[in-house]
Amino acid sequence: MNALFLPLVIGAPQIILIVIVVLLLFGGRKIPELMRGLGSGIKEFKDASKDDDTPKSHTTEDNNKVSGENK
């Protein structure tokens, strides 16, 4: 590997250090609340992206069927 990218490699010691720092900063009681908030945010993002993926051509055809119009 290039020496420039070596500091970016995350191994087990770095992950353990990050976990210890997070525990010290937030405490054991606050972490489940943070994860719950993060999970609900991800769920809302996925739901919003699913709603946005509906193709426009299908929605106009469905609207025409409901209103009784034929092209």
PDB file of N, CA and C in Angstrom:
ATOM      1  N   MET A   1       0.825  -1.191   0.000  1.00  0.00           N
ATOM      2  CA  MET A   1       0.000   0.000   0.000  1.00  0.00           C
ATOM      3  C   MET A   1       0.864   1.247   0.000  1.00  0.00           C
ATOM      4  N   ASN A   2       0.311   2.267  -0.513  1.00  0.00           N
ATOM      5  CA  ASN A   2       1.006   3.538  -0.540  1.00  0.00           C
ATOM      6  C   ASN A   2       1.070   4.112   0.882  1.00  0.00           C
ATOM      7  N   ALA A   3       2.162   4.730   1.243  1.00  0.00           N
ATOM      8  CA  ALA A   3       2.335   5.282   2.587  1.00  0.00           C
ATOM      9  C   ALA A   3       1.350   6.414   2.866  1.00  0.00           C
ATOM     10  N   LEU A   4       0.806   7.016   1.839  1.00  0.00           N
ATOM     11  CA  LEU A   4      -0.157   8.097   2.002  1.00  0.00           C
ATOM     12  C   LEU A   4      -1.482   7.591   2.576  1.00  0.00           C
ATOM     13  N   PHE A   5      -1.875   6.363   2.217  1.00  0.00           N
ATOM     14  CA  PHE A   5      -3.161   5.822   2.633  1.00  0.00           C
ATOM     15  C   PHE A   5      -3.087   4.979   3.904  1.00  0.00           C
ATOM     16  N   LEU A   6      -1.925   4.756   4.456  1.00  0.00           N
ATOM     17  CA  LEU A   6      -1.796   3.930   5.655  1.00  0.00           C
ATOM     18  C   LEU A   6      -2.547   4.492   6.867  1.00  0.00           C
ATOM     19  N   PRO A   7      -2.577   5.790   7.100  1.00  0.00           N
ATOM     20  CA  PRO A   7      -3.353   6.290   8.246  1.00  0.00           C
ATOM     21  C   PRO A   7      -4.858   6.077   8.095  1.00  0.00           C
ATOM     22  N   LEU A   8      -5.335   5.846   6.882  1.00  0.00           N
ATOM     23  CA  LEU A   8      -6.757   5.658   6.642  1.00  0.00           C
ATOM     24  C   LEU A   8      -7.218   4.222   6.875  1.00  0.00           C
ATOM     25  N   VAL A   9      -6.305   3.293   7.071  1.00  0.00           N
ATOM     26  CA  VAL A   9      -6.653   1.893   7.294  1.00  0.00           C
ATOM     27  C   VAL A   9      -7.111   1.740   8.740  1.00  0.00           C
ATOM     28  N   ILE A  10      -8.325   1.199   8.915  1.00  0.00           N
ATOM     29  CA  ILE A  10      -8.878   1.023  10.254  1.00  0.00           C
ATOM     30  C   ILE A  10      -8.830  -0.456  10.600  1.00  0.00           C
ATOM     31  N   GLY A  11      -8.152  -0.761  11.683  1.00  0.00           N
ATOM     32  CA  GLY A  11      -8.058  -2.127  12.150  1.00  0.00           C
ATOM     33  C   GLY A  11      -8.759  -2.285  13.487  1.00  0.00           C
ATOM     34  N   ALA A  12      -8.562  -3.431  14.110  1.00  0.00           N
ATOM     35  CA  ALA A  12      -9.206  -3.726  15.390  1.00  0.00           C
ATOM     36  C   ALA A  12      -8.784  -2.756  16.494  1.00  0.00           C
ATOM     37  N   PRO A  13      -7.498  -2.413  16.629  1.00  0.00           N
ATOM     38  CA  PRO A  13      -7.130  -1.466  17.699  1.00  0.00           C
ATOM     39  C   PRO A  13      -7.786  -0.092  17.541  1.00  0.00           C
ATOM     40  N   GLN A  14      -7.927   0.376  16.299  1.00  0.00           N
ATOM     41  CA  GLN A  14      -8.548   1.672  16.078  1.00  0.00           C
ATOM     42  C   GLN A  14     -10.036   1.628  16.413  1.00  0.00           C
ATOM     43  N   ILE A  15     -10.702   0.532  16.068  1.00  0.00           N
ATOM     44  CA  ILE A  15     -12.125   0.397  16.376  1.00  0.00           C
ATOM     45  C   ILE A  15     -12.337   0.347  17.885  1.00  0.00           C
ATOM     46  N   ILE A  16     -11.486  -0.376  18.597  1.00  0.00           N
ATOM     47  CA  ILE A  16     -11.588  -0.448  20.063  1.00  0.00           C
ATOM     48  C   ILE A  16     -11.386   0.930  20.672  1.00  0.00           C
ATOM     49  N   LEU A  17     -10.437   1.675  20.167  1.00  0.00           N
ATOM     50  CA  LEU A  17     -10.196   3.028  20.658  1.00  0.00           C
ATOM     51  C   LEU A  17     -11.401   3.935  20.411  1.00  0.00           C
ATOM     52  N   ILE A  18     -12.009   3.834  19.244  1.00  0.00           N
ATOM     53  CA  ILE A  18     -13.194   4.636  18.928  1.00  0.00           C
ATOM     54  C   ILE A  18     -14.345   4.285  19.866  1.00  0.00           C
ATOM     55  N   VAL A  19     -14.557   3.010  20.132  1.00  0.00           N
ATOM     56  CA  VAL A  19     -15.632   2.569  21.030  1.00  0.00           C
ATOM     57  C   VAL A  19     -15.401   3.110  22.437  1.00  0.00           C
ATOM     58  N   ILE A  20     -14.170   3.073  22.911  1.00  0.00           N
ATOM     59  CA  ILE A  20     -13.853   3.580  24.251  1.00  0.00           C
ATOM     60  C   ILE A  20     -14.105   5.085  24.325  1.00  0.00           C
ATOM     61  N   VAL A  21     -13.708   5.811  23.304  1.00  0.00           N
ATOM     62  CA  VAL A  21     -13.917   7.262  23.294  1.00  0.00           C
ATOM     63  C   VAL A  21     -15.406   7.582  23.276  1.00  0.00           C
ATOM     64  N   VAL A  22     -16.186   6.858  22.478  1.00  0.00           N
ATOM     65  CA  VAL A  22     -17.633   7.089  22.425  1.00  0.00           C
ATOM     66  C   VAL A  22     -18.269   6.782  23.772  1.00  0.00           C
ATOM     67  N   LEU A  23     -17.857   5.705  24.413  1.00  0.00           N
ATOM     68  CA  LEU A  23     -18.393   5.377  25.740  1.00  0.00           C
ATOM     69  C   LEU A  23     -18.056   6.463  26.757  1.00  0.00           C
ATOM     70  N   LEU A  24     -16.856   6.989  26.691  1.00  0.00           N
ATOM     71  CA  LEU A  24     -16.472   8.048  27.619  1.00  0.00           C
ATOM     72  C   LEU A  24     -17.245   9.342  27.362  1.00  0.00           C
ATOM     73  N   LEU A  25     -17.483   9.660  26.113  1.00  0.00           N
ATOM     74  CA  LEU A  25     -18.172  10.902  25.787  1.00  0.00           C
ATOM     75  C   LEU A  25     -19.672  10.851  26.101  1.00  0.00           C
ATOM     76  N   PHE A  26     -20.319   9.763  25.732  1.00  0.00           N
ATOM     77  CA  PHE A  26     -21.767   9.704  25.837  1.00  0.00           C
ATOM     78  C   PHE A  26     -22.270   8.867  27.008  1.00  0.00           C
ATOM     79  N   GLY A  27     -21.504   7.929  27.472  1.00  0.00           N
ATOM     80  CA  GLY A  27     -21.956   7.064  28.553  1.00  0.00           C
ATOM     81  C   GLY A  27     -22.781   5.904  28.022  1.00  0.00           C
ATOM     82  N   GLY A  28     -22.937   4.892  28.850  1.00  0.00           N
ATOM     83  CA  GLY A  28     -23.633   3.676  28.437  1.00  0.00           C
ATOM     84  C   GLY A  28     -25.125   3.857  28.259  1.00  0.00           C
ATOM     85  N   ARG A  29     -25.722   4.798  28.958  1.00  0.00           N
ATOM     86  CA  ARG A  29     -27.172   4.971  28.883  1.00  0.00           C
ATOM     87  C   ARG A  29     -27.596   5.731  27.638  1.00  0.00           C
ATOM     88  N   LYS A  30     -26.769   6.601  27.159  1.00  0.00           N
ATOM     89  CA  LYS A  30     -27.140   7.468  26.038  1.00  0.00           C
ATOM     90  C   LYS A  30     -26.962   6.774  24.683  1.00  0.00           C
ATOM     91  N   ILE A  31     -26.106   5.792  24.597  1.00  0.00           N
ATOM     92  CA  ILE A  31     -25.800   5.157  23.309  1.00  0.00           C
ATOM     93  C   ILE A  31     -27.020   4.469  22.692  1.00  0.00           C
ATOM     94  N   PRO A  32     -27.839   3.700  23.451  1.00  0.00           N
ATOM     95  CA  PRO A  32     -29.027   3.112  22.812  1.00  0.00           C
ATOM     96  C   PRO A  32     -29.988   4.163  22.247  1.00  0.00           C
ATOM     97  N   GLU A  33     -30.117   5.290  22.920  1.00  0.00           N
ATOM     98  CA  GLU A  33     -30.965   6.363  22.401  1.00  0.00           C
ATOM     99  C   GLU A  33     -30.401   6.920  21.093  1.00  0.00           C
ATOM    100  N   LEU A  34     -29.089   7.069  21.036  1.00  0.00           N
ATOM    101  CA  LEU A  34     -28.459   7.568  19.810  1.00  0.00           C
ATOM    102  C   LEU A  34     -28.652   6.587  18.651  1.00  0.00           C
ATOM    103  N   MET A  35     -28.493   5.301  18.929  1.00  0.00           N
ATOM    104  CA  MET A  35     -28.655   4.290  17.883  1.00  0.00           C
ATOM    105  C   MET A  35     -30.109   4.207  17.427  1.00  0.00           C
ATOM    106  N   ARG A  36     -31.047   4.364  18.344  1.00  0.00           N
ATOM    107  CA  ARG A  36     -32.464   4.349  18.003  1.00  0.00           C
ATOM    108  C   ARG A  36     -32.787   5.526  17.074  1.00  0.00           C
ATOM    109  N   GLY A  37     -32.253   6.682  17.394  1.00  0.00           N
ATOM    110  CA  GLY A  37     -32.464   7.850  16.543  1.00  0.00           C
ATOM    111  C   GLY A  37     -31.830   7.690  15.176  1.00  0.00           C
ATOM    112  N   LEU A  38     -30.650   7.103  15.156  1.00  0.00           N
ATOM    113  CA  LEU A  38     -29.973   6.857  13.886  1.00  0.00           C
ATOM    114  C   LEU A  38     -30.764   5.870  13.036  1.00  0.00           C
ATOM    115  N   GLY A  39     -31.278   4.816  13.655  1.00  0.00           N
ATOM    116  CA  GLY A  39     -32.068   3.820  12.932  1.00  0.00           C
ATOM    117  C   GLY A  39     -33.349   4.398  12.369  1.00  0.00           C
ATOM    118  N   SER A  40     -34.030   5.230  13.146  1.00  0.00           N
ATOM    119  CA  SER A  40     -35.268   5.823  12.646  1.00  0.00           C
ATOM    120  C   SER A  40     -34.974   6.813  11.516  1.00  0.00           C
ATOM    121  N   GLY A  41     -33.859   7.504  11.596  1.00  0.00           N
ATOM    122  CA  GLY A  41     -33.478   8.408  10.511  1.00  0.00           C
ATOM    123  C   GLY A  41     -33.184   7.657   9.222  1.00  0.00           C
ATOM    124  N   ILE A  42     -32.499   6.534   9.324  1.00  0.00           N
ATOM    125  CA  ILE A  42     -32.204   5.723   8.145  1.00  0.00           C
ATOM    126  C   ILE A  42     -33.496   5.159   7.555  1.00  0.00           C
ATOM    127  N   LYS A  43     -34.415   4.722   8.423  1.00  0.00           N
ATOM    128  CA  LYS A  43     -35.688   4.183   7.952  1.00  0.00           C
ATOM    129  C   LYS A  43     -36.491   5.244   7.210  1.00  0.00           C
ATOM    130  N   GLU A  44     -36.557   6.460   7.740  1.00  0.00           N
ATOM    131  CA  GLU A  44     -37.268   7.542   7.070  1.00  0.00           C
ATOM    132  C   GLU A  44     -36.621   7.871   5.730  1.00  0.00           C
ATOM    133  N   PHE A  45     -35.295   7.843   5.665  1.00  0.00           N
ATOM    134  CA  PHE A  45     -34.601   8.112   4.411  1.00  0.00           C
ATOM    135  C   PHE A  45     -34.933   7.053   3.370  1.00  0.00           C
ATOM    136  N   LYS A  46     -34.942   5.776   3.772  1.00  0.00           N
ATOM    137  CA  LYS A  46     -35.270   4.698   2.829  1.00  0.00           C
ATOM    138  C   LYS A  46     -36.708   4.814   2.346  1.00  0.00           C
ATOM    139  N   ASP A  47     -37.633   5.119   3.258  1.00  0.00           N
ATOM    140  CA  ASP A  47     -39.031   5.274   2.866  1.00  0.00           C
ATOM    141  C   ASP A  47     -39.201   6.428   1.887  1.00  0.00           C
ATOM    142  N   ALA A  48     -38.514   7.520   2.135  1.00  0.00           N
ATOM    143  CA  ALA A  48     -38.608   8.669   1.239  1.00  0.00           C
ATOM    144  C   ALA A  48     -38.001   8.362  -0.125  1.00  0.00           C
ATOM    145  N   SER A  49     -36.922   7.598  -0.150  1.00  0.00           N
ATOM    146  CA  SER A  49     -36.308   7.269  -1.433  1.00  0.00           C
ATOM    147  C   SER A  49     -37.158   6.267  -2.204  1.00  0.00           C
ATOM    148  N   LYS A  50     -37.888   5.380  -1.507  1.00  0.00           N
ATOM    149  CA  LYS A  50     -38.790   4.451  -2.197  1.00  0.00           C
ATOM    150  C   LYS A  50     -39.956   5.210  -2.812  1.00  0.00           C
ATOM    151  N   ASP A  51     -40.490   6.196  -2.112  1.00  0.00           N
ATOM    152  CA  ASP A  51     -41.592   6.992  -2.642  1.00  0.00           C
ATOM    153  C   ASP A  51     -41.153   7.790  -3.850  1.00  0.00           C
ATOM    154  N   ASP A  52     -39.921   8.202  -3.903  1.00  0.00           N
ATOM    155  CA  ASP A  52     -39.410   9.016  -4.995  1.00  0.00           C
ATOM    156  C   ASP A  52     -39.081   8.184  -6.228  1.00  0.00           C
ATOM    157  N   ASP A  53     -38.955   6.850  -6.090  1.00  0.00           N
ATOM    158  CA  ASP A  53     -38.559   5.988  -7.195  1.00  0.00           C
ATOM    159  C   ASP A  53     -39.711   5.622  -8.130  1.00  0.00           C
ATOM    160  N   THR A  54     -40.950   5.986  -7.816  1.00  0.00           N
ATOM    161  CA  THR A  54     -42.062   5.617  -8.681  1.00  0.00           C
ATOM    162  C   THR A  54     -41.942   6.356 -10.005  1.00  0.00           C
ATOM    163  N   PRO A  55     -42.001   5.620 -11.114  1.00  0.00           N
ATOM    164  CA  PRO A  55     -41.867   6.271 -12.419  1.00  0.00           C
ATOM    165  C   PRO A  55     -43.069   7.161 -12.720  1.00  0.00           C
ATOM    166  N   LYS A  56     -42.825   8.248 -13.412  1.00  0.00           N
ATOM    167  CA  LYS A  56     -43.867   9.222 -13.717  1.00  0.00           C
ATOM    168  C   LYS A  56     -44.894   8.664 -14.706  1.00  0.00           C
ATOM    169  N   SER A  57     -44.488   7.822 -15.661  1.00  0.00           N
ATOM    170  CA  SER A  57     -45.409   7.304 -16.663  1.00  0.00           C
ATOM    171  C   SER A  57     -46.471   6.400 -16.033  1.00  0.00           C
ATOM    172  N   HIS A  58     -46.095   5.634 -15.022  1.00  0.00           N
ATOM    173  CA  HIS A  58     -47.055   4.757 -14.362  1.00  0.00           C
ATOM    174  C   HIS A  58     -48.077   5.560 -13.574  1.00  0.00           C
ATOM    175  N   THR A  59     -47.664   6.637 -12.979  1.00  0.00           N
ATOM    176  CA  THR A  59     -48.599   7.415 -12.171  1.00  0.00           C
ATOM    177  C   THR A  59     -49.641   8.098 -13.049  1.00  0.00           C
ATOM    178  N   THR A  60     -49.284   8.566 -14.243  1.00  0.00           N
ATOM    179  CA  THR A  60     -50.275   9.202 -15.110  1.00  0.00           C
ATOM    180  C   THR A  60     -51.233   8.170 -15.671  1.00  0.00           C
ATOM    181  N   GLU A  61     -50.770   6.968 -15.991  1.00  0.00           N
ATOM    182  CA  GLU A  61     -51.651   5.911 -16.472  1.00  0.00           C
ATOM    183  C   GLU A  61     -52.624   5.494 -15.383  1.00  0.00           C
ATOM    184  N   ASP A  62     -52.146   5.384 -14.153  1.00  0.00           N
ATOM    185  CA  ASP A  62     -53.011   5.010 -13.049  1.00  0.00           C
ATOM    186  C   ASP A  62     -54.054   6.087 -12.794  1.00  0.00           C
ATOM    187  N   ASN A  63     -53.681   7.342 -12.908  1.00  0.00           N
ATOM    188  CA  ASN A  63     -54.630   8.436 -12.710  1.00  0.00           C
ATOM    189  C   ASN A  63     -55.706   8.437 -13.785  1.00  0.00           C
ATOM    190  N   ASN A  64     -55.332   8.100 -15.021  1.00  0.00           N
ATOM    191  CA  ASN A  64     -56.305   8.043 -16.102  1.00  0.00           C
ATOM    192  C   ASN A  64     -57.286   6.910 -15.888  1.00  0.00           C
ATOM    193  N   LYS A  65     -56.834   5.772 -15.385  1.00  0.00           N
ATOM    194  CA  LYS A  65     -57.714   4.637 -15.117  1.00  0.00           C
ATOM    195  C   LYS A  65     -58.721   4.978 -14.027  1.00  0.00           C
ATOM    196  N   VAL A  66     -58.265   5.681 -13.011  1.00  0.00           N
ATOM    197  CA  VAL A  66     -59.142   6.039 -11.897  1.00  0.00           C
ATOM    198  C   VAL A  66     -60.209   7.027 -12.353  1.00  0.00           C
ATOM    199  N   SER A  67     -59.831   8.007 -13.158  1.00  0.00           N
ATOM    200  CA  SER A  67     -60.772   9.029 -13.590  1.00  0.00           C
ATOM    201  C   SER A  67     -61.664   8.568 -14.736  1.00  0.00           C
ATOM    202  N   GLY A  68     -61.327   7.432 -15.361  1.00  0.00           N
ATOM    203  CA  GLY A  68     -62.149   6.892 -16.433  1.00  0.00           C
ATOM    204  C   GLY A  68     -61.790   7.414 -17.803  1.00  0.00           C
ATOM    205  N   GLU A  69     -60.716   8.113 -17.933  1.00  0.00           N
ATOM    206  CA  GLU A  69     -60.297   8.650 -19.233  1.00  0.00           C
ATOM    207  C   GLU A  69     -59.485   7.606 -19.971  1.00  0.00           C
ATOM    208  N   ASN A  70     -59.638   7.555 -21.269  1.00  0.00           N
ATOM    209  CA  ASN A  70     -58.858   6.650 -22.127  1.00  0.00           C
ATOM    210  C   ASN A  70     -58.141   7.493 -23.166  1.00  0.00           C
ATOM    211  N   LYS A  71     -56.936   7.088 -23.488  1.00  0.00           N
ATOM    212  CA  LYS A  71     -56.170   7.792 -24.522  1.00  0.00           C
ATOM    213  C   LYS A  71     -56.247   7.032 -25.803  1.00  0.00           C
TER     214      LYS A  71
END
